[in-house]
Amino acid sequence: APLGSLALVRGPQERGTTDSPAPTVVLNKDRSAAVAVRPEPRSRVALTRFAGIDDPRFIPDDPTSMDSALLAGQTLAEAAPDSSVRKALVALAAEVCGLPAPPSGRRRRVV
């Protein structure tokens, strides 16, 4: 299992009894080459079984888009506005903030 998996399983136990909202568990780099042909269902089952996490969110593994943004010193919106990872991050941010899901098409820049 990847190193982060152990910390993820232990994390909820180590949170203790503080009064805080349930964390949003987000997985990235859940690749078929590392786990299985369809990694998301298998990861979902394992998280439910071993950590009691029933609703993880998945961010696509898109190293090409991430690397191009990093190397260009740009945001994903600038370097790869149509990338699957950017769209997933925007949708997750809207969900966590309680905002409606953003439209799926590209927006025009207002100059």
Protein backbone atom coordinates (compact mmCIF):
# COMPACT_ATOMS: atom_id res chain seq x y z
CA ALA A 1 0.00 0.00 0.00
CA PRO A 2 1.21 3.53 -0.69
CA LEU A 3 2.66 5.35 2.32
CA GLY A 4 -0.18 7.85 2.49
CA SER A 5 -2.74 5.05 2.90
CA LEU A 6 -1.52 4.11 6.36
CA ALA A 7 -1.67 7.71 7.53
CA LEU A 8 -5.16 8.02 6.04
CA VAL A 9 -6.39 4.95 7.91
CA ARG A 10 -4.91 6.17 11.20
CA GLY A 11 -5.91 9.81 10.72
CA PRO A 12 -9.54 9.62 11.87
CA GLN A 13 -8.48 7.63 14.94
CA GLU A 14 -5.88 10.25 15.85
CA ARG A 15 -8.33 13.15 15.46
CA GLY A 16 -9.61 12.30 18.89
CA THR A 17 -12.82 13.66 20.26
CA THR A 18 -12.54 17.27 19.15
CA ASP A 19 -15.73 18.83 17.89
CA SER A 20 -15.00 19.37 14.23
CA PRO A 21 -16.68 18.61 10.93
CA ALA A 22 -15.86 15.33 9.24
CA PRO A 23 -12.89 15.70 6.93
CA THR A 24 -13.26 15.53 3.17
CA VAL A 25 -10.97 12.73 2.03
CA VAL A 26 -9.42 13.41 -1.35
CA LEU A 27 -7.33 10.89 -3.27
CA ASN A 28 -5.06 11.59 -6.19
CA LYS A 29 -2.57 9.42 -8.01
CA ASP A 30 -5.02 6.52 -7.77
CA ARG A 31 -3.61 4.94 -10.92
CA SER A 32 -4.57 1.65 -12.48
CA ALA A 33 -0.90 0.70 -12.92
CA ALA A 34 -0.34 0.99 -9.16
CA VAL A 35 -3.55 -0.57 -7.87
CA ALA A 36 -5.77 -2.32 -10.40
CA VAL A 37 -7.55 -1.90 -13.69
CA ARG A 38 -10.27 0.23 -12.03
CA PRO A 39 -8.67 1.70 -8.93
CA GLU A 40 -11.49 3.96 -7.67
CA PRO A 41 -13.96 1.21 -6.69
CA ARG A 42 -11.21 -0.82 -5.03
CA SER A 43 -9.92 2.20 -3.14
CA ARG A 44 -13.46 3.11 -2.06
CA VAL A 45 -14.06 -0.41 -0.68
CA ALA A 46 -10.71 -0.47 1.12
CA LEU A 47 -11.29 2.95 2.71
CA THR A 48 -14.74 1.94 3.92
CA ARG A 49 -13.47 -1.36 5.30
CA PHE A 50 -10.28 -0.20 7.00
CA ALA A 51 -10.93 3.46 7.81
CA GLY A 52 -14.71 3.89 7.88
CA ILE A 53 -14.49 6.46 5.07
CA ASP A 54 -17.55 6.11 2.87
CA ASP A 55 -17.38 9.01 0.45
CA PRO A 56 -13.86 9.83 -0.73
CA ARG A 57 -13.37 12.27 -3.58
CA PHE A 58 -11.02 11.39 -6.43
CA ILE A 59 -8.81 13.83 -8.30
CA PRO A 60 -7.48 12.50 -11.60
CA ASP A 61 -3.78 11.80 -11.90
CA ASP A 62 -2.69 14.21 -14.63
CA PRO A 63 1.07 14.68 -14.31
CA THR A 64 1.37 16.25 -17.76
CA SER A 65 -0.92 19.16 -16.87
CA MET A 66 0.53 19.56 -13.40
CA ASP A 67 4.12 19.49 -14.67
CA SER A 68 3.46 21.95 -17.48
CA ALA A 69 1.89 24.43 -15.04
CA LEU A 70 4.75 24.03 -12.59
CA LEU A 71 7.46 24.40 -15.21
CA ALA A 72 5.78 27.46 -16.73
CA GLY A 73 5.18 29.04 -13.32
CA GLN A 74 1.47 29.21 -14.07
CA THR A 75 -1.75 28.10 -12.46
CA LEU A 76 -3.65 25.17 -13.93
CA ALA A 77 -6.23 27.64 -15.22
CA GLU A 78 -3.50 29.32 -17.26
CA ALA A 79 -1.48 26.30 -18.35
CA ALA A 80 -4.17 23.64 -18.75
CA PRO A 81 -7.65 25.15 -18.41
CA ASP A 82 -9.39 22.09 -19.86
CA SER A 83 -7.44 19.49 -17.89
CA SER A 84 -9.34 16.86 -15.96
CA VAL A 85 -7.41 17.64 -12.77
CA ARG A 86 -8.30 21.34 -12.91
CA LYS A 87 -11.98 20.61 -13.50
CA ALA A 88 -12.03 18.15 -10.60
CA LEU A 89 -10.32 20.63 -8.26
CA VAL A 90 -12.75 23.42 -9.20
CA ALA A 91 -15.73 21.13 -8.58
CA LEU A 92 -14.30 19.95 -5.25
CA ALA A 93 -13.64 23.52 -4.10
CA ALA A 94 -17.22 24.51 -4.97
CA GLU A 95 -18.58 21.50 -3.09
CA VAL A 96 -16.48 22.13 0.02
CA CYS A 97 -17.49 25.81 0.02
CA GLY A 98 -21.17 24.97 -0.46
CA LEU A 99 -21.37 26.66 -3.85
CA PRO A 100 -23.21 25.39 -6.91
CA ALA A 101 -21.19 23.28 -9.32
CA PRO A 102 -19.43 25.43 -11.90
CA PRO A 103 -20.51 25.24 -15.54
CA SER A 104 -18.60 22.64 -17.50
CA GLY A 105 -17.70 24.87 -20.47
CA ARG A 106 -14.85 27.35 -20.68
CA ARG A 107 -15.59 30.93 -19.70
CA ARG A 108 -14.64 33.89 -21.79
CA ARG A 109 -12.13 36.25 -20.30
CA VAL A 110 -13.45 39.73 -19.76
CA VAL A 111 -10.86 42.28 -20.82
